[in-house]
Amino acid sequence: MVFAANDGVDKEIISNAMEVKARGAEVIGISYQNNEVFEQYLPVADNGLLIPLASIVYTQLLAYYIALEKKLDPDKPRNLAKSVTVK
């Protein structure tokens, strides 16, 4: 997954994505604009510095559906009681 925001660093990120793709990886791009290096493109509004906040939603949904596919309960993760005290 590639997160390319509109902050001037996106050219480096796209360059890194090209290297990863050259090594055989499938590149999923989350960005305000599509790029030829992305095999899958997930659009986000160009909100300047707020683009990362909008991009998080895609990763949360991905984690949720992966948990469901693995037959895990995303609402009751294992070992949660060790990190959160519930009374």
PDB file of N, CA and C in Angstrom:
ATOM      1  N   MET A   1       0.851  -1.167   0.000  1.00  0.00           N
ATOM      2  CA  MET A   1       0.000   0.000   0.000  1.00  0.00           C
ATOM      3  C   MET A   1       0.893   1.225   0.000  1.00  0.00           C
ATOM      4  N   VAL A   2       0.527   2.171  -0.829  1.00  0.00           N
ATOM      5  CA  VAL A   2       1.296   3.398  -0.953  1.00  0.00           C
ATOM      6  C   VAL A   2       0.381   4.564  -0.614  1.00  0.00           C
ATOM      7  N   PHE A   3       0.820   5.373   0.344  1.00  0.00           N
ATOM      8  CA  PHE A   3       0.095   6.584   0.712  1.00  0.00           C
ATOM      9  C   PHE A   3       0.845   7.771   0.118  1.00  0.00           C
ATOM     10  N   ALA A   4       0.241   8.438  -0.855  1.00  0.00           N
ATOM     11  CA  ALA A   4       0.900   9.579  -1.499  1.00  0.00           C
ATOM     12  C   ALA A   4       0.070  10.822  -1.239  1.00  0.00           C
ATOM     13  N   ALA A   5       0.544  11.661  -0.338  1.00  0.00           N
ATOM     14  CA  ALA A   5      -0.154  12.909  -0.007  1.00  0.00           C
ATOM     15  C   ALA A   5       0.367  14.030  -0.902  1.00  0.00           C
ATOM     16  N   ASN A   6      -0.299  15.140  -0.865  1.00  0.00           N
ATOM     17  CA  ASN A   6       0.088  16.299  -1.668  1.00  0.00           C
ATOM     18  C   ASN A   6       0.963  17.218  -0.821  1.00  0.00           C
ATOM     19  N   ASP A   7       2.152  16.721  -0.435  1.00  0.00           N
ATOM     20  CA  ASP A   7       3.009  17.494   0.458  1.00  0.00           C
ATOM     21  C   ASP A   7       4.432  17.661  -0.064  1.00  0.00           C
ATOM     22  N   GLY A   8       4.666  17.355  -1.311  1.00  0.00           N
ATOM     23  CA  GLY A   8       5.994  17.489  -1.884  1.00  0.00           C
ATOM     24  C   GLY A   8       6.851  16.253  -1.750  1.00  0.00           C
ATOM     25  N   VAL A   9       6.488  15.336  -0.881  1.00  0.00           N
ATOM     26  CA  VAL A   9       7.245  14.095  -0.688  1.00  0.00           C
ATOM     27  C   VAL A   9       6.699  12.993  -1.585  1.00  0.00           C
ATOM     28  N   ASP A  10       5.536  13.222  -2.198  1.00  0.00           N
ATOM     29  CA  ASP A  10       4.891  12.167  -2.977  1.00  0.00           C
ATOM     30  C   ASP A  10       5.731  11.693  -4.156  1.00  0.00           C
ATOM     31  N   LYS A  11       6.605  12.508  -4.702  1.00  0.00           N
ATOM     32  CA  LYS A  11       7.474  12.075  -5.805  1.00  0.00           C
ATOM     33  C   LYS A  11       8.443  10.990  -5.335  1.00  0.00           C
ATOM     34  N   GLU A  12       8.969  11.123  -4.130  1.00  0.00           N
ATOM     35  CA  GLU A  12       9.834  10.085  -3.560  1.00  0.00           C
ATOM     36  C   GLU A  12       9.051   8.806  -3.300  1.00  0.00           C
ATOM     37  N   ILE A  13       7.842   8.954  -2.814  1.00  0.00           N
ATOM     38  CA  ILE A  13       7.007   7.793  -2.507  1.00  0.00           C
ATOM     39  C   ILE A  13       6.670   7.041  -3.789  1.00  0.00           C
ATOM     40  N   ILE A  14       6.329   7.760  -4.851  1.00  0.00           N
ATOM     41  CA  ILE A  14       6.027   7.124  -6.137  1.00  0.00           C
ATOM     42  C   ILE A  14       7.271   6.420  -6.673  1.00  0.00           C
ATOM     43  N   SER A  15       8.427   7.034  -6.505  1.00  0.00           N
ATOM     44  CA  SER A  15       9.681   6.405  -6.935  1.00  0.00           C
ATOM     45  C   SER A  15       9.912   5.095  -6.189  1.00  0.00           C
ATOM     46  N   ASN A  16       9.666   5.097  -4.883  1.00  0.00           N
ATOM     47  CA  ASN A  16       9.793   3.869  -4.089  1.00  0.00           C
ATOM     48  C   ASN A  16       8.776   2.823  -4.531  1.00  0.00           C
ATOM     49  N   ALA A  17       7.561   3.262  -4.866  1.00  0.00           N
ATOM     50  CA  ALA A  17       6.530   2.335  -5.331  1.00  0.00           C
ATOM     51  C   ALA A  17       6.936   1.696  -6.655  1.00  0.00           C
ATOM     52  N   MET A  18       7.597   2.456  -7.524  1.00  0.00           N
ATOM     53  CA  MET A  18       8.079   1.897  -8.796  1.00  0.00           C
ATOM     54  C   MET A  18       9.130   0.808  -8.551  1.00  0.00           C
ATOM     55  N   GLU A  19      10.003   1.031  -7.578  1.00  0.00           N
ATOM     56  CA  GLU A  19      11.013   0.023  -7.256  1.00  0.00           C
ATOM     57  C   GLU A  19      10.371  -1.248  -6.709  1.00  0.00           C
ATOM     58  N   VAL A  20       9.377  -1.078  -5.862  1.00  0.00           N
ATOM     59  CA  VAL A  20       8.689  -2.241  -5.291  1.00  0.00           C
ATOM     60  C   VAL A  20       7.956  -3.010  -6.389  1.00  0.00           C
ATOM     61  N   LYS A  21       7.315  -2.274  -7.290  1.00  0.00           N
ATOM     62  CA  LYS A  21       6.589  -2.913  -8.396  1.00  0.00           C
ATOM     63  C   LYS A  21       7.556  -3.651  -9.316  1.00  0.00           C
ATOM     64  N   ALA A  22       8.748  -3.084  -9.530  1.00  0.00           N
ATOM     65  CA  ALA A  22       9.746  -3.734 -10.379  1.00  0.00           C
ATOM     66  C   ALA A  22      10.198  -5.067  -9.794  1.00  0.00           C
ATOM     67  N   ARG A  23      10.052  -5.222  -8.483  1.00  0.00           N
ATOM     68  CA  ARG A  23      10.428  -6.475  -7.824  1.00  0.00           C
ATOM     69  C   ARG A  23       9.257  -7.453  -7.729  1.00  0.00           C
ATOM     70  N   GLY A  24       8.131  -7.101  -8.378  1.00  0.00           N
ATOM     71  CA  GLY A  24       7.022  -8.039  -8.478  1.00  0.00           C
ATOM     72  C   GLY A  24       5.861  -7.805  -7.536  1.00  0.00           C
ATOM     73  N   ALA A  25       5.886  -6.752  -6.753  1.00  0.00           N
ATOM     74  CA  ALA A  25       4.789  -6.499  -5.813  1.00  0.00           C
ATOM     75  C   ALA A  25       3.618  -5.821  -6.522  1.00  0.00           C
ATOM     76  N   GLU A  26       2.426  -6.066  -6.026  1.00  0.00           N
ATOM     77  CA  GLU A  26       1.242  -5.347  -6.507  1.00  0.00           C
ATOM     78  C   GLU A  26       1.111  -4.087  -5.667  1.00  0.00           C
ATOM     79  N   VAL A  27       0.978  -2.948  -6.328  1.00  0.00           N
ATOM     80  CA  VAL A  27       0.955  -1.666  -5.641  1.00  0.00           C
ATOM     81  C   VAL A  27      -0.486  -1.152  -5.573  1.00  0.00           C
ATOM     82  N   ILE A  28      -0.948  -0.926  -4.351  1.00  0.00           N
ATOM     83  CA  ILE A  28      -2.252  -0.314  -4.112  1.00  0.00           C
ATOM     84  C   ILE A  28      -1.986   1.119  -3.687  1.00  0.00           C
ATOM     85  N   GLY A  29      -2.491   2.062  -4.455  1.00  0.00           N
ATOM     86  CA  GLY A  29      -2.230   3.465  -4.182  1.00  0.00           C
ATOM     87  C   GLY A  29      -3.404   4.162  -3.543  1.00  0.00           C
ATOM     88  N   ILE A  30      -3.149   4.854  -2.453  1.00  0.00           N
ATOM     89  CA  ILE A  30      -4.142   5.702  -1.798  1.00  0.00           C
ATOM     90  C   ILE A  30      -3.625   7.120  -1.946  1.00  0.00           C
ATOM     91  N   SER A  31      -4.298   7.895  -2.790  1.00  0.00           N
ATOM     92  CA  SER A  31      -3.779   9.202  -3.125  1.00  0.00           C
ATOM     93  C   SER A  31      -4.897  10.104  -3.633  1.00  0.00           C
ATOM     94  N   TYR A  32      -4.576  11.383  -3.759  1.00  0.00           N
ATOM     95  CA  TYR A  32      -5.521  12.357  -4.298  1.00  0.00           C
ATOM     96  C   TYR A  32      -5.572  12.291  -5.822  1.00  0.00           C
ATOM     97  N   GLN A  33      -4.564  11.649  -6.455  1.00  0.00           N
ATOM     98  CA  GLN A  33      -4.586  11.486  -7.915  1.00  0.00           C
ATOM     99  C   GLN A  33      -4.013  10.126  -8.279  1.00  0.00           C
ATOM    100  N   ASN A  34      -4.519   9.571  -9.370  1.00  0.00           N
ATOM    101  CA  ASN A  34      -4.073   8.262  -9.821  1.00  0.00           C
ATOM    102  C   ASN A  34      -2.683   8.375 -10.436  1.00  0.00           C
ATOM    103  N   ASN A  35      -1.967   7.264 -10.439  1.00  0.00           N
ATOM    104  CA  ASN A  35      -0.638   7.213 -11.019  1.00  0.00           C
ATOM    105  C   ASN A  35      -0.508   5.886 -11.754  1.00  0.00           C
ATOM    106  N   GLU A  36       0.293   5.848 -12.803  1.00  0.00           N
ATOM    107  CA  GLU A  36       0.414   4.625 -13.601  1.00  0.00           C
ATOM    108  C   GLU A  36       1.064   3.476 -12.830  1.00  0.00           C
ATOM    109  N   VAL A  37       1.755   3.767 -11.758  1.00  0.00           N
ATOM    110  CA  VAL A  37       2.390   2.711 -10.973  1.00  0.00           C
ATOM    111  C   VAL A  37       1.372   1.956 -10.108  1.00  0.00           C
ATOM    112  N   PHE A  38       0.233   2.568  -9.825  1.00  0.00           N
ATOM    113  CA  PHE A  38      -0.790   1.924  -8.995  1.00  0.00           C
ATOM    114  C   PHE A  38      -1.541   0.878  -9.813  1.00  0.00           C
ATOM    115  N   GLU A  39      -1.607  -0.344  -9.292  1.00  0.00           N
ATOM    116  CA  GLU A  39      -2.438  -1.359  -9.938  1.00  0.00           C
ATOM    117  C   GLU A  39      -3.876  -1.257  -9.432  1.00  0.00           C
ATOM    118  N   GLN A  40      -4.021  -0.848  -8.205  1.00  0.00           N
ATOM    119  CA  GLN A  40      -5.327  -0.541  -7.623  1.00  0.00           C
ATOM    120  C   GLN A  40      -5.242   0.879  -7.092  1.00  0.00           C
ATOM    121  N   TYR A  41      -6.259   1.672  -7.337  1.00  0.00           N
ATOM    122  CA  TYR A  41      -6.239   3.072  -6.914  1.00  0.00           C
ATOM    123  C   TYR A  41      -7.444   3.359  -6.027  1.00  0.00           C
ATOM    124  N   LEU A  42      -7.182   3.895  -4.844  1.00  0.00           N
ATOM    125  CA  LEU A  42      -8.231   4.289  -3.916  1.00  0.00           C
ATOM    126  C   LEU A  42      -8.152   5.806  -3.749  1.00  0.00           C
ATOM    127  N   PRO A  43      -9.149   6.533  -4.237  1.00  0.00           N
ATOM    128  CA  PRO A  43      -9.071   8.003  -4.221  1.00  0.00           C
ATOM    129  C   PRO A  43      -9.376   8.612  -2.858  1.00  0.00           C
ATOM    130  N   VAL A  44      -8.718   9.731  -2.596  1.00  0.00           N
ATOM    131  CA  VAL A  44      -8.971  10.530  -1.403  1.00  0.00           C
ATOM    132  C   VAL A  44      -9.043  11.987  -1.856  1.00  0.00           C
ATOM    133  N   ALA A  45      -9.852  12.775  -1.176  1.00  0.00           N
ATOM    134  CA  ALA A  45      -9.946  14.197  -1.500  1.00  0.00           C
ATOM    135  C   ALA A  45      -8.625  14.896  -1.183  1.00  0.00           C
ATOM    136  N   ASP A  46      -8.276  15.890  -1.984  1.00  0.00           N
ATOM    137  CA  ASP A  46      -7.042  16.643  -1.776  1.00  0.00           C
ATOM    138  C   ASP A  46      -7.285  17.693  -0.695  1.00  0.00           C
ATOM    139  N   ASN A  47      -7.077  17.295   0.559  1.00  0.00           N
ATOM    140  CA  ASN A  47      -7.317  18.173   1.704  1.00  0.00           C
ATOM    141  C   ASN A  47      -6.024  18.727   2.285  1.00  0.00           C
ATOM    142  N   GLY A  48      -4.970  18.727   1.515  1.00  0.00           N
ATOM    143  CA  GLY A  48      -3.701  19.227   2.020  1.00  0.00           C
ATOM    144  C   GLY A  48      -3.132  18.324   3.093  1.00  0.00           C
ATOM    145  N   LEU A  49      -2.919  18.864   4.264  1.00  0.00           N
ATOM    146  CA  LEU A  49      -2.326  18.102   5.358  1.00  0.00           C
ATOM    147  C   LEU A  49      -3.283  17.085   5.978  1.00  0.00           C
ATOM    148  N   LEU A  50      -4.563  17.133   5.619  1.00  0.00           N
ATOM    149  CA  LEU A  50      -5.535  16.197   6.186  1.00  0.00           C
ATOM    150  C   LEU A  50      -5.684  14.911   5.372  1.00  0.00           C
ATOM    151  N   ILE A  51      -4.963  14.772   4.276  1.00  0.00           N
ATOM    152  CA  ILE A  51      -5.045  13.564   3.454  1.00  0.00           C
ATOM    153  C   ILE A  51      -4.742  12.306   4.271  1.00  0.00           C
ATOM    154  N   PRO A  52      -3.737  12.289   5.158  1.00  0.00           N
ATOM    155  CA  PRO A  52      -3.485  11.063   5.931  1.00  0.00           C
ATOM    156  C   PRO A  52      -4.682  10.630   6.778  1.00  0.00           C
ATOM    157  N   LEU A  53      -5.437  11.578   7.300  1.00  0.00           N
ATOM    158  CA  LEU A  53      -6.612  11.207   8.095  1.00  0.00           C
ATOM    159  C   LEU A  53      -7.651  10.492   7.250  1.00  0.00           C
ATOM    160  N   ALA A  54      -7.865  10.973   6.030  1.00  0.00           N
ATOM    161  CA  ALA A  54      -8.831  10.321   5.141  1.00  0.00           C
ATOM    162  C   ALA A  54      -8.311   8.964   4.686  1.00  0.00           C
ATOM    163  N   SER A  55      -7.003   8.819   4.543  1.00  0.00           N
ATOM    164  CA  SER A  55      -6.412   7.558   4.088  1.00  0.00           C
ATOM    165  C   SER A  55      -6.530   6.461   5.134  1.00  0.00           C
ATOM    166  N   ILE A  56      -6.587   6.834   6.395  1.00  0.00           N
ATOM    167  CA  ILE A  56      -6.662   5.852   7.476  1.00  0.00           C
ATOM    168  C   ILE A  56      -7.916   4.990   7.365  1.00  0.00           C
ATOM    169  N   VAL A  57      -8.991   5.562   6.856  1.00  0.00           N
ATOM    170  CA  VAL A  57     -10.252   4.828   6.756  1.00  0.00           C
ATOM    171  C   VAL A  57     -10.076   3.572   5.905  1.00  0.00           C
ATOM    172  N   TYR A  58      -9.338   3.680   4.799  1.00  0.00           N
ATOM    173  CA  TYR A  58      -9.108   2.509   3.946  1.00  0.00           C
ATOM    174  C   TYR A  58      -8.366   1.409   4.700  1.00  0.00           C
ATOM    175  N   THR A  59      -7.359   1.768   5.488  1.00  0.00           N
ATOM    176  CA  THR A  59      -6.599   0.746   6.207  1.00  0.00           C
ATOM    177  C   THR A  59      -7.419   0.128   7.339  1.00  0.00           C
ATOM    178  N   GLN A  60      -8.278   0.928   7.969  1.00  0.00           N
ATOM    179  CA  GLN A  60      -9.142   0.375   9.017  1.00  0.00           C
ATOM    180  C   GLN A  60     -10.118  -0.644   8.420  1.00  0.00           C
ATOM    181  N   LEU A  61     -10.683  -0.305   7.272  1.00  0.00           N
ATOM    182  CA  LEU A  61     -11.599  -1.239   6.613  1.00  0.00           C
ATOM    183  C   LEU A  61     -10.865  -2.495   6.154  1.00  0.00           C
ATOM    184  N   LEU A  62      -9.656  -2.339   5.657  1.00  0.00           N
ATOM    185  CA  LEU A  62      -8.862  -3.493   5.242  1.00  0.00           C
ATOM    186  C   LEU A  62      -8.602  -4.412   6.432  1.00  0.00           C
ATOM    187  N   ALA A  63      -8.195  -3.850   7.564  1.00  0.00           N
ATOM    188  CA  ALA A  63      -7.941  -4.650   8.758  1.00  0.00           C
ATOM    189  C   ALA A  63      -9.209  -5.351   9.236  1.00  0.00           C
ATOM    190  N   TYR A  64     -10.328  -4.650   9.180  1.00  0.00           N
ATOM    191  CA  TYR A  64     -11.601  -5.226   9.602  1.00  0.00           C
ATOM    192  C   TYR A  64     -11.976  -6.438   8.742  1.00  0.00           C
ATOM    193  N   TYR A  65     -11.902  -6.279   7.423  1.00  0.00           N
ATOM    194  CA  TYR A  65     -12.302  -7.378   6.537  1.00  0.00           C
ATOM    195  C   TYR A  65     -11.299  -8.521   6.534  1.00  0.00           C
ATOM    196  N   ILE A  66     -10.036  -8.244   6.773  1.00  0.00           N
ATOM    197  CA  ILE A  66      -9.061  -9.328   6.914  1.00  0.00           C
ATOM    198  C   ILE A  66      -9.378 -10.138   8.170  1.00  0.00           C
ATOM    199  N   ALA A  67      -9.723  -9.454   9.249  1.00  0.00           N
ATOM    200  CA  ALA A  67     -10.089 -10.159  10.483  1.00  0.00           C
ATOM    201  C   ALA A  67     -11.310 -11.044  10.259  1.00  0.00           C
ATOM    202  N   LEU A  68     -12.298 -10.537   9.539  1.00  0.00           N
ATOM    203  CA  LEU A  68     -13.483 -11.345   9.260  1.00  0.00           C
ATOM    204  C   LEU A  68     -13.144 -12.565   8.401  1.00  0.00           C
ATOM    205  N   GLU A  69     -12.296 -12.385   7.393  1.00  0.00           N
ATOM    206  CA  GLU A  69     -11.898 -13.503   6.539  1.00  0.00           C
ATOM    207  C   GLU A  69     -11.139 -14.573   7.334  1.00  0.00           C
ATOM    208  N   LYS A  70     -10.380 -14.150   8.336  1.00  0.00           N
ATOM    209  CA  LYS A  70      -9.614 -15.082   9.159  1.00  0.00           C
ATOM    210  C   LYS A  70     -10.464 -15.650  10.295  1.00  0.00           C
ATOM    211  N   LYS A  71     -11.749 -15.343  10.295  1.00  0.00           N
ATOM    212  CA  LYS A  71     -12.691 -15.822  11.321  1.00  0.00           C
ATOM    213  C   LYS A  71     -12.306 -15.341  12.714  1.00  0.00           C
ATOM    214  N   LEU A  72     -11.792 -14.103  12.798  1.00  0.00           N
ATOM    215  CA  LEU A  72     -11.466 -13.478  14.073  1.00  0.00           C
ATOM    216  C   LEU A  72     -12.518 -12.431  14.387  1.00  0.00           C
ATOM    217  N   ASP A  73     -12.784 -12.214  15.656  1.00  0.00           N
ATOM    218  CA  ASP A  73     -13.756 -11.208  16.054  1.00  0.00           C
ATOM    219  C   ASP A  73     -13.039  -9.861  16.205  1.00  0.00           C
ATOM    220  N   PRO A  74     -13.260  -8.913  15.303  1.00  0.00           N
ATOM    221  CA  PRO A  74     -12.553  -7.635  15.385  1.00  0.00           C
ATOM    222  C   PRO A  74     -12.968  -6.795  16.587  1.00  0.00           C
ATOM    223  N   ASP A  75     -14.115  -7.117  17.203  1.00  0.00           N
ATOM    224  CA  ASP A  75     -14.575  -6.345  18.355  1.00  0.00           C
ATOM    225  C   ASP A  75     -14.033  -6.874  19.676  1.00  0.00           C
ATOM    226  N   LYS A  76     -13.453  -8.060  19.662  1.00  0.00           N
ATOM    227  CA  LYS A  76     -12.881  -8.644  20.882  1.00  0.00           C
ATOM    228  C   LYS A  76     -11.531  -9.255  20.554  1.00  0.00           C
ATOM    229  N   PRO A  77     -10.526  -8.416  20.324  1.00  0.00           N
ATOM    230  CA  PRO A  77      -9.212  -8.966  19.983  1.00  0.00           C
ATOM    231  C   PRO A  77      -8.595  -9.713  21.155  1.00  0.00           C
ATOM    232  N   ARG A  78      -7.819 -10.723  20.824  1.00  0.00           N
ATOM    233  CA  ARG A  78      -7.139 -11.548  21.813  1.00  0.00           C
ATOM    234  C   ARG A  78      -6.159 -10.685  22.603  1.00  0.00           C
ATOM    235  N   ASN A  79      -6.030 -10.925  23.892  1.00  0.00           N
ATOM    236  CA  ASN A  79      -5.099 -10.254  24.795  1.00  0.00           C
ATOM    237  C   ASN A  79      -5.399  -8.770  25.021  1.00  0.00           C
ATOM    238  N   LEU A  80      -6.588  -8.327  24.719  1.00  0.00           N
ATOM    239  CA  LEU A  80      -6.928  -6.923  24.928  1.00  0.00           C
ATOM    240  C   LEU A  80      -6.924  -6.590  26.425  1.00  0.00           C
ATOM    241  N   ALA A  81      -7.324  -7.523  27.268  1.00  0.00           N
ATOM    242  CA  ALA A  81      -7.376  -7.262  28.707  1.00  0.00           C
ATOM    243  C   ALA A  81      -6.000  -6.977  29.288  1.00  0.00           C
ATOM    244  N   LYS A  82      -4.960  -7.410  28.639  1.00  0.00           N
ATOM    245  CA  LYS A  82      -3.604  -7.152  29.124  1.00  0.00           C
ATOM    246  C   LYS A  82      -3.174  -5.711  28.912  1.00  0.00           C
ATOM    247  N   SER A  83      -3.809  -5.049  27.965  1.00  0.00           N
ATOM    248  CA  SER A  83      -3.400  -3.658  27.695  1.00  0.00           C
ATOM    249  C   SER A  83      -4.442  -2.633  28.119  1.00  0.00           C
ATOM    250  N   VAL A  84      -5.667  -3.080  28.388  1.00  0.00           N
ATOM    251  CA  VAL A  84      -6.732  -2.177  28.797  1.00  0.00           C
ATOM    252  C   VAL A  84      -7.399  -2.738  30.046  1.00  0.00           C
ATOM    253  N   THR A  85      -7.525  -1.928  31.061  1.00  0.00           N
ATOM    254  CA  THR A  85      -8.188  -2.366  32.286  1.00  0.00           C
ATOM    255  C   THR A  85      -9.677  -2.079  32.165  1.00  0.00           C
ATOM    256  N   VAL A  86     -10.486  -3.120  32.313  1.00  0.00           N
ATOM    257  CA  VAL A  86     -11.944  -3.002  32.212  1.00  0.00           C
ATOM    258  C   VAL A  86     -12.544  -3.356  33.557  1.00  0.00           C
ATOM    259  N   LYS A  87     -13.403  -2.476  34.069  1.00  0.00           N
ATOM    260  CA  LYS A  87     -14.061  -2.764  35.346  1.00  0.00           C
ATOM    261  C   LYS A  87     -15.524  -2.953  35.169  1.00  0.00           C
TER     262      LYS A  87
END
